[in-house]
Amino acid sequence: MGLTSLLFGSRLRTALLLFLVGAGALGGAFATGVLGAPSVEGVDNQFASVNETSTVIESEVDVENPNPISANLSGVSVDYAVYMNGLGMADGDKDGVSVGTGDTAIPLQTTLANDRIPAWWVSHIQHGEHTTLTVDASVTSETLGKTFDAPEITRSIDTDLLSAFNSTETREVNANATVVSDPVLYVNETSAEWGASTQNRTALELTFVVHNPKPYPVAVSELGYDISMNDVDVGEGTTDSEYVIQPHSTKTIEATTYIENERLDEWWVSHLERNQTTDLRIDFYAKLDAGGTTFTVPLDPLTYEKTFETDIFGTKSSSSDSAGETTTQSSETTESDTTTTESETTTEAGTATTTTTAEPTTTSEPTTTDTTTTTDDGGETTTDTTTTTDDGGETTTDDGLL
């Protein structure tokens, strides 16, 4: 008897067995090894559309059926759920699916309610700007009377929104007013960290180290702020504390600003419409009392801008690689290849964070540098630096008032 006859005879006997015992006995056939167990090989997801209230997620559940008689795996149902930091974000199911021999991609749609975004945001901040995304899927076969779970898919989503606010660059505060000469103040340092997050709002704790170069006190009676994400206003307000900076002295000013979480579902829509890209911007102004005059000063040198991206399901077709921009990609935890570029870290199938890398400067000719520091009667310090190169050129740099 040839191999073909053996195979044909085996399949014929299996078909006759199934016909004789009926579908109700197939569970037993599966248990005894006559039928092989189907398996869920994976789940692919992508954002399909978004509106003011909801986000549609399109998914494909890949089911492998090892059995030669595909018609006997009808009546299959699929259950599916997405979690972010343990919070249920979307779930759905599909019934009456027929699974053929080999691989079958089962398409389904689920809906994420945008009002779930604020709760996720709070958890993301409370976990140090980290989110663990989990996708659970299971397939139930009425024919076999058994449920098969997919391997759990876990991805990491990390952002770094505030670190670039930490700076020791000296910036001038100019009043552009006839009653006082500029600069009226210097901001020598800035720093930021996340404060307490509640269901309603997220706190940003900001610190400014401010120097008063004047021979009279300068009071900061109010510090105002406006926070936007993709031009969506997510927070604005003023601080209540008043600080008086004595003549020729430096003082640390602390301010708490807030993101209003109820506005984040509107931001989420803009984030997806821009291919999961967001421009964060914080603008400041101050009300100053100096020399007996009160005036409001826009703090343009302190404006903070940060671009960040996410790739929540790892299925974005492309991402921006502009210099100075943060590309933040979510990734499966089993991969860890990392590529770093200047002012941007892109993790390929890994977590992305922002790292600023200073390029080395190569000078082919030796230079001589002389530095002169002069202090005037007002306590202001001016640093002039003169650099002479071998070609006879001179470069003079005024480092400004410190």
Protein backbone atom coordinates (compact mmCIF):
# COMPACT_ATOMS: atom_id res chain seq x y z
CA MET A 1 0.00 0.00 0.00
CA GLY A 2 1.42 3.35 -1.05
CA LEU A 3 1.89 6.46 1.11
CA THR A 4 -0.93 8.25 -0.74
CA SER A 5 -3.31 5.44 0.02
CA LEU A 6 -2.30 5.45 3.68
CA LEU A 7 -2.85 9.19 4.02
CA PHE A 8 -6.15 9.07 2.14
CA GLY A 9 -7.30 6.11 4.23
CA SER A 10 -6.35 7.89 7.47
CA ARG A 11 -8.25 11.05 6.53
CA LEU A 12 -11.23 9.01 5.35
CA ARG A 13 -11.34 7.11 8.66
CA THR A 14 -11.17 10.41 10.60
CA ALA A 15 -13.99 11.88 8.50
CA LEU A 16 -16.13 8.76 8.98
CA LEU A 17 -15.45 8.85 12.73
CA LEU A 18 -16.56 12.47 12.97
CA PHE A 19 -19.65 11.75 10.90
CA LEU A 20 -20.61 8.80 13.03
CA VAL A 21 -20.05 10.25 16.50
CA GLY A 22 -21.33 13.77 15.67
CA ALA A 23 -20.11 17.17 16.69
CA GLY A 24 -20.92 16.57 20.35
CA ALA A 25 -18.14 14.01 20.60
CA LEU A 26 -15.45 16.21 19.06
CA GLY A 27 -14.42 17.48 22.47
CA GLY A 28 -13.53 13.92 23.36
CA ALA A 29 -11.72 13.50 20.08
CA PHE A 30 -9.66 16.57 20.93
CA ALA A 31 -8.94 15.21 24.41
CA THR A 32 -7.75 11.86 23.04
CA GLY A 33 -5.53 13.45 20.41
CA VAL A 34 -7.61 12.69 17.33
CA LEU A 35 -7.91 16.46 16.76
CA GLY A 36 -5.12 18.95 17.37
CA ALA A 37 -5.55 21.99 19.59
CA PRO A 38 -5.84 25.33 17.79
CA SER A 39 -3.71 28.15 19.15
CA VAL A 40 -3.74 31.94 19.16
CA GLU A 41 -0.46 32.99 17.55
CA GLY A 42 -0.71 36.75 18.08
CA VAL A 43 -2.75 39.93 17.98
CA ASP A 44 -2.06 42.99 15.79
CA ASN A 45 -3.66 46.34 16.65
CA GLN A 46 -3.84 49.82 15.20
CA PHE A 47 -5.85 52.99 15.71
CA ALA A 48 -8.42 53.28 12.93
CA SER A 49 -10.25 56.51 13.69
CA VAL A 50 -10.95 58.98 16.47
CA ASN A 51 -13.64 61.55 17.21
CA GLU A 52 -14.54 63.75 20.17
CA THR A 53 -15.84 60.88 22.29
CA SER A 54 -14.30 57.60 21.14
CA THR A 55 -11.35 55.91 19.47
CA VAL A 56 -11.75 52.89 17.19
CA ILE A 57 -9.11 50.14 17.43
CA GLU A 58 -8.85 47.62 14.61
CA SER A 59 -7.35 44.26 15.51
CA GLU A 60 -6.50 40.95 13.92
CA VAL A 61 -6.33 37.80 16.03
CA ASP A 62 -4.19 35.16 14.32
CA VAL A 63 -5.50 31.63 14.96
CA GLU A 64 -3.63 28.49 13.89
CA ASN A 65 -5.80 25.41 13.23
CA PRO A 66 -3.71 22.25 12.76
CA ASN A 67 -6.63 20.04 11.79
CA PRO A 68 -7.21 18.84 8.21
CA ILE A 69 -11.01 19.18 8.31
CA SER A 70 -11.60 22.91 8.63
CA ALA A 71 -15.39 22.77 8.62
CA ASN A 72 -15.37 21.22 12.08
CA LEU A 73 -14.02 24.46 13.68
CA SER A 74 -17.05 26.62 13.07
CA GLY A 75 -18.81 28.45 15.87
CA VAL A 76 -15.63 30.09 17.13
CA SER A 77 -15.87 33.21 19.35
CA VAL A 78 -13.11 35.70 20.14
CA ASP A 79 -12.79 37.88 23.25
CA TYR A 80 -10.34 40.76 23.37
CA ALA A 81 -9.27 43.44 25.91
CA VAL A 82 -6.64 46.21 26.16
CA TYR A 83 -5.24 47.38 29.51
CA MET A 84 -2.92 50.30 30.28
CA ASN A 85 -1.32 50.15 33.72
CA GLY A 86 -4.04 47.70 34.68
CA LEU A 87 -6.87 50.02 33.61
CA GLY A 88 -9.35 48.53 31.16
CA MET A 89 -9.25 50.76 28.08
CA ALA A 90 -11.12 48.74 25.44
CA ASP A 91 -12.75 45.34 25.06
CA GLY A 92 -14.84 43.48 22.54
CA ASP A 93 -15.88 40.10 21.19
CA LYS A 94 -16.89 38.42 17.95
CA ASP A 95 -19.04 35.29 17.61
CA GLY A 96 -19.83 32.81 14.87
CA VAL A 97 -16.38 32.75 13.27
CA SER A 98 -15.32 29.84 11.08
CA VAL A 99 -11.64 28.93 11.31
CA GLY A 100 -10.11 27.17 8.33
CA THR A 101 -7.08 24.94 8.16
CA GLY A 102 -3.79 26.67 8.89
CA ASP A 103 -3.60 30.36 9.78
CA THR A 104 -6.75 32.46 9.97
CA ALA A 105 -6.68 36.19 10.73
CA ILE A 106 -9.89 37.13 12.54
CA PRO A 107 -10.63 40.88 12.20
CA LEU A 108 -12.47 42.76 14.92
CA GLN A 109 -13.10 46.30 16.11
CA THR A 110 -13.16 47.63 19.62
CA THR A 111 -13.92 51.11 20.91
CA LEU A 112 -11.94 53.05 23.48
CA ALA A 113 -13.99 55.73 25.23
CA ASN A 114 -11.92 58.93 25.31
CA ASP A 115 -13.10 59.71 28.83
CA ARG A 116 -10.80 56.86 29.96
CA ILE A 117 -7.76 58.91 28.93
CA PRO A 118 -7.56 61.16 32.06
CA ALA A 119 -7.45 58.13 34.38
CA TRP A 120 -4.72 56.56 32.26
CA TRP A 121 -2.76 59.86 32.23
CA VAL A 122 -2.78 60.00 36.04
CA SER A 123 -1.48 56.43 36.23
CA HIS A 124 1.18 57.22 33.61
CA ILE A 125 2.50 60.17 35.65
CA GLN A 126 2.26 58.31 38.96
CA HIS A 127 4.37 55.50 37.47
CA GLY A 128 7.13 57.92 36.49
CA GLU A 129 5.83 58.56 32.94
CA HIS A 130 5.68 54.83 32.32
CA THR A 131 2.80 52.70 31.03
CA THR A 132 2.58 48.95 30.67
CA LEU A 133 0.16 48.08 27.88
CA THR A 134 -1.32 44.58 27.98
CA VAL A 135 -3.39 42.91 25.28
CA ASP A 136 -5.41 39.82 26.25
CA ALA A 137 -7.25 37.66 23.74
CA SER A 138 -8.92 34.28 23.90
CA VAL A 139 -10.66 32.00 21.40
CA THR A 140 -13.50 29.64 22.35
CA SER A 141 -14.51 26.74 20.11
CA GLU A 142 -18.01 25.40 20.60
CA THR A 143 -16.99 22.42 18.51
CA LEU A 144 -14.20 21.45 20.89
CA GLY A 145 -15.86 22.85 24.00
CA LYS A 146 -12.67 24.63 25.09
CA THR A 147 -11.20 28.14 25.38
CA PHE A 148 -7.66 28.89 24.17
CA ASP A 149 -5.82 31.95 25.53
CA ALA A 150 -3.38 33.97 23.45
CA PRO A 151 0.13 34.56 24.77
CA GLU A 152 -0.07 37.80 26.77
CA ILE A 153 1.27 40.74 24.78
CA THR A 154 2.97 43.38 26.93
CA ARG A 155 4.50 46.62 25.72
CA SER A 156 6.18 49.55 27.48
CA ILE A 157 5.30 53.19 26.82
CA ASP A 158 7.71 55.75 28.30
CA THR A 159 7.82 59.53 27.97
CA ASP A 160 10.17 62.22 29.29
CA LEU A 161 8.29 65.51 29.28
CA LEU A 162 10.07 67.59 31.90
CA SER A 163 13.80 66.83 31.99
CA ALA A 164 14.65 69.44 29.36
CA PHE A 165 13.17 72.10 31.65
CA ASN A 166 16.13 71.53 33.96
CA SER A 167 18.64 74.18 32.88
CA THR A 168 21.45 76.32 34.28
CA GLU A 169 21.37 78.73 31.35
CA THR A 170 21.18 82.38 32.46
CA ARG A 171 18.28 84.23 30.86
CA GLU A 172 17.42 87.92 31.04
CA VAL A 173 14.03 89.21 32.16
CA ASN A 174 13.34 92.48 30.35
CA ALA A 175 10.47 94.75 31.29
CA ASN A 176 10.66 96.93 28.15
CA ALA A 177 9.35 99.79 30.31
CA THR A 178 10.64 103.35 30.68
CA VAL A 179 10.38 103.23 34.47
CA VAL A 180 13.12 100.62 34.86
CA SER A 181 16.22 99.67 32.90
CA ASP A 182 16.67 96.20 31.46
CA PRO A 183 17.38 93.56 32.42
CA VAL A 184 15.27 93.83 35.54
CA LEU A 185 16.06 90.25 36.66
CA TYR A 186 18.12 87.24 35.66
CA VAL A 187 16.87 83.65 35.82
CA ASN A 188 19.97 81.54 36.41
CA GLU A 189 18.38 78.09 36.83
CA THR A 190 15.10 76.30 36.15
CA SER A 191 13.91 72.84 37.15
CA ALA A 192 10.67 70.85 37.11
CA GLU A 193 9.19 67.67 38.51
CA TRP A 194 5.75 66.13 38.71
CA GLY A 195 3.82 66.82 41.89
CA ALA A 196 0.73 65.16 43.32
CA SER A 197 -1.74 63.83 40.75
CA THR A 198 -5.42 63.49 41.52
CA GLN A 199 -8.40 62.44 39.45
CA ASN A 200 -9.01 66.08 38.52
CA ARG A 201 -5.57 67.57 37.91
CA THR A 202 -1.85 66.92 37.62
CA ALA A 203 0.64 69.16 39.42
CA LEU A 204 3.95 70.40 38.00
CA GLU A 205 6.39 71.68 40.64
CA LEU A 206 8.60 74.35 39.07
CA THR A 207 11.67 76.02 40.58
CA PHE A 208 13.36 79.23 39.38
CA VAL A 209 16.64 80.62 40.75
CA VAL A 210 16.34 84.39 40.21
CA HIS A 211 18.99 87.14 40.64
CA ASN A 212 18.19 90.82 41.23
CA PRO A 213 20.94 93.08 39.79
CA LYS A 214 19.25 96.29 40.93
CA PRO A 215 20.17 98.46 43.94
CA TYR A 216 16.57 98.21 45.17
CA PRO A 217 14.29 95.23 45.96
CA VAL A 218 12.19 93.63 43.24
CA ALA A 219 9.03 91.79 44.25
CA VAL A 220 7.44 89.01 42.21
CA SER A 221 3.83 89.39 43.28
CA GLU A 222 2.33 86.96 40.75
CA LEU A 223 3.58 84.26 38.40
CA GLY A 224 1.16 83.19 35.67
CA TYR A 225 1.31 80.23 33.33
CA ASP A 226 -0.47 78.69 30.36
CA ILE A 227 0.01 75.03 29.37
CA SER A 228 -1.03 73.72 25.97
CA MET A 229 -0.66 70.41 24.17
CA ASN A 230 -1.11 70.62 20.40
CA ASP A 231 -2.68 74.06 20.96
CA VAL A 232 -5.27 72.51 23.26
CA ASP A 233 -5.31 74.52 26.50
CA VAL A 234 -4.88 72.01 29.31
CA GLY A 235 -3.97 74.35 32.17
CA GLU A 236 -3.64 78.00 33.14
CA GLY A 237 -3.48 79.97 36.35
CA THR A 238 -1.35 82.05 38.72
CA THR A 239 0.67 81.31 41.82
CA ASP A 240 -0.37 82.82 45.15
CA SER A 241 3.01 83.28 46.82
CA GLU A 242 4.87 86.60 46.76
CA TYR A 243 8.64 86.72 46.68
CA VAL A 244 10.83 89.78 47.41
CA ILE A 245 14.34 89.63 45.97
CA GLN A 246 16.68 91.95 47.83
CA PRO A 247 19.19 94.17 45.96
CA HIS A 248 22.13 92.33 44.39
CA SER A 249 20.88 89.00 45.74
CA THR A 250 19.57 85.67 44.48
CA LYS A 251 16.39 83.90 45.55
CA THR A 252 14.72 80.60 44.72
CA ILE A 253 11.10 80.90 43.60
CA GLU A 254 8.88 77.83 43.72
CA ALA A 255 5.62 77.59 41.82
CA THR A 256 3.01 74.87 41.40
CA THR A 257 1.20 74.70 38.07
CA TYR A 258 -1.58 72.32 37.09
CA ILE A 259 -2.79 70.34 34.10
CA GLU A 260 -6.58 69.99 34.20
CA ASN A 261 -7.18 66.30 33.51
CA GLU A 262 -10.70 66.82 32.19
CA ARG A 263 -9.19 68.47 29.11
CA LEU A 264 -6.94 65.54 28.25
CA ASP A 265 -9.53 63.64 26.22
CA GLU A 266 -9.55 66.59 23.80
CA TRP A 267 -5.76 66.48 23.69
CA TRP A 268 -5.90 62.72 22.98
CA VAL A 269 -7.89 63.37 19.81
CA SER A 270 -5.22 65.81 18.57
CA HIS A 271 -2.47 63.35 19.54
CA LEU A 272 -3.90 60.60 17.33
CA GLU A 273 -4.82 62.97 14.52
CA ARG A 274 -1.14 63.98 14.39
CA ASN A 275 0.08 60.38 14.19
CA GLN A 276 0.63 60.14 17.96
CA THR A 277 2.68 63.34 18.12
CA THR A 278 2.28 66.16 20.64
CA ASP A 279 3.85 69.61 21.04
CA LEU A 280 3.86 70.57 24.72
CA ARG A 281 4.24 74.31 25.47
CA ILE A 282 4.33 76.24 28.77
CA ASP A 283 4.25 80.07 28.68
CA PHE A 284 4.91 82.28 31.71
CA TYR A 285 4.41 85.88 32.77
CA ALA A 286 5.24 87.72 36.00
CA LYS A 287 3.82 90.74 37.82
CA LEU A 288 6.75 92.70 39.25
CA ASP A 289 7.01 95.55 41.77
CA ALA A 290 10.24 97.50 41.26
CA GLY A 291 11.19 101.09 42.07
CA GLY A 292 7.70 101.88 43.25
CA THR A 293 6.10 100.72 40.00
CA THR A 294 4.04 97.59 39.28
CA PHE A 295 4.10 96.09 35.79
CA THR A 296 3.47 92.76 34.04
CA VAL A 297 6.34 91.14 32.16
CA PRO A 298 5.99 88.28 29.64
CA LEU A 299 8.69 85.73 30.47
CA ASP A 300 9.41 84.75 26.87
CA PRO A 301 12.94 83.43 27.63
CA LEU A 302 11.35 80.87 29.98
CA THR A 303 8.88 79.49 27.42
CA TYR A 304 9.18 75.70 27.48
CA GLU A 305 8.54 73.60 24.39
CA LYS A 306 8.78 69.85 24.04
CA THR A 307 7.72 67.50 21.24
CA PHE A 308 7.02 63.87 22.08
CA GLU A 309 5.69 60.87 20.19
CA THR A 310 4.19 57.54 21.13
CA ASP A 311 3.81 54.28 19.24
CA ILE A 312 1.36 52.57 21.54
CA PHE A 313 0.77 49.39 19.54
CA GLY A 314 4.09 49.45 17.69
CA THR A 315 2.35 49.77 14.33
CA LYS A 316 3.04 53.38 13.32
CA SER A 317 4.02 53.56 9.67
CA SER A 318 6.64 56.23 10.31
CA SER A 319 7.86 58.68 12.95
CA SER A 320 9.47 62.11 12.76
CA ASP A 321 13.22 62.26 13.20
CA SER A 322 13.65 66.04 13.35
CA ALA A 323 16.61 67.24 15.42
CA GLY A 324 15.74 68.23 18.94
CA GLU A 325 12.51 66.25 18.88
CA THR A 326 11.71 63.39 21.22
CA THR A 327 10.64 60.16 19.56
CA THR A 328 9.02 57.96 22.20
CA GLN A 329 8.06 54.51 21.01
CA SER A 330 6.30 51.72 22.87
CA SER A 331 7.78 48.29 22.39
CA GLU A 332 7.44 44.65 23.22
CA THR A 333 9.45 43.73 26.26
CA THR A 334 11.29 40.90 24.52
CA GLU A 335 13.36 43.23 22.36
CA SER A 336 15.92 45.82 23.42
CA ASP A 337 17.91 47.21 20.49
CA THR A 338 18.60 50.92 21.07
CA THR A 339 19.85 53.63 18.70
CA THR A 340 20.91 57.03 20.07
CA THR A 341 21.25 60.25 18.08
CA GLU A 342 21.92 63.85 19.05
CA SER A 343 19.12 65.38 21.14
CA GLU A 344 17.00 62.36 20.39
CA THR A 345 16.93 58.73 21.39
CA THR A 346 14.94 56.38 19.20
CA THR A 347 14.55 52.88 20.56
CA GLU A 348 13.86 50.38 17.86
CA ALA A 349 11.52 47.84 19.43
CA GLY A 350 12.57 49.30 22.77
CA THR A 351 11.88 52.18 25.13
CA ALA A 352 12.70 55.65 23.90
CA THR A 353 13.96 58.45 26.07
CA THR A 354 15.65 61.75 25.36
CA THR A 355 19.40 62.13 25.68
CA THR A 356 21.31 65.24 24.70
CA THR A 357 24.70 64.35 23.30
CA ALA A 358 27.25 67.11 22.88
CA GLU A 359 29.23 66.88 19.67
CA PRO A 360 33.02 67.21 20.22
CA THR A 361 34.55 70.35 18.73
CA THR A 362 37.79 69.87 16.84
CA THR A 363 40.09 72.86 16.37
CA SER A 364 43.01 72.44 14.03
CA GLU A 365 44.87 75.53 15.29
CA PRO A 366 45.76 76.42 18.89
CA THR A 367 43.90 79.27 20.57
CA THR A 368 44.63 81.62 23.47
CA THR A 369 41.79 82.72 25.76
CA ASP A 370 41.86 85.70 28.15
CA THR A 371 38.98 86.29 30.56
CA THR A 372 38.33 89.60 32.31
CA THR A 373 35.71 89.96 35.09
CA THR A 374 34.52 93.42 36.12
CA THR A 375 32.12 94.27 38.96
CA ASP A 376 30.39 97.65 38.89
CA ASP A 377 29.06 99.57 41.86
CA GLY A 378 25.63 98.02 41.38
CA GLY A 379 26.96 94.56 42.17
CA GLU A 380 26.58 93.40 38.57
CA THR A 381 29.30 91.17 37.18
CA THR A 382 30.31 91.31 33.53
CA THR A 383 32.54 88.62 32.05
CA ASP A 384 34.36 89.35 28.79
CA THR A 385 36.24 86.55 27.06
CA THR A 386 38.76 87.19 24.27
CA THR A 387 39.92 84.30 22.13
CA THR A 388 42.89 84.71 19.76
CA THR A 389 43.61 82.20 17.00
CA ASP A 390 46.80 81.71 15.00
CA ASP A 391 45.31 83.36 11.95
CA GLY A 392 45.29 86.68 13.78
CA GLY A 393 41.51 86.82 14.31
CA GLU A 394 40.01 87.81 17.63
CA THR A 395 36.65 86.77 19.01
CA THR A 396 35.20 88.70 21.96
CA THR A 397 32.29 87.16 23.82
CA ASP A 398 30.23 89.07 26.39
CA ASP A 399 28.97 86.36 28.69
CA GLY A 400 26.45 88.72 30.23
CA LEU A 401 25.53 89.63 33.75
CA LEU A 402 25.52 86.89 36.34
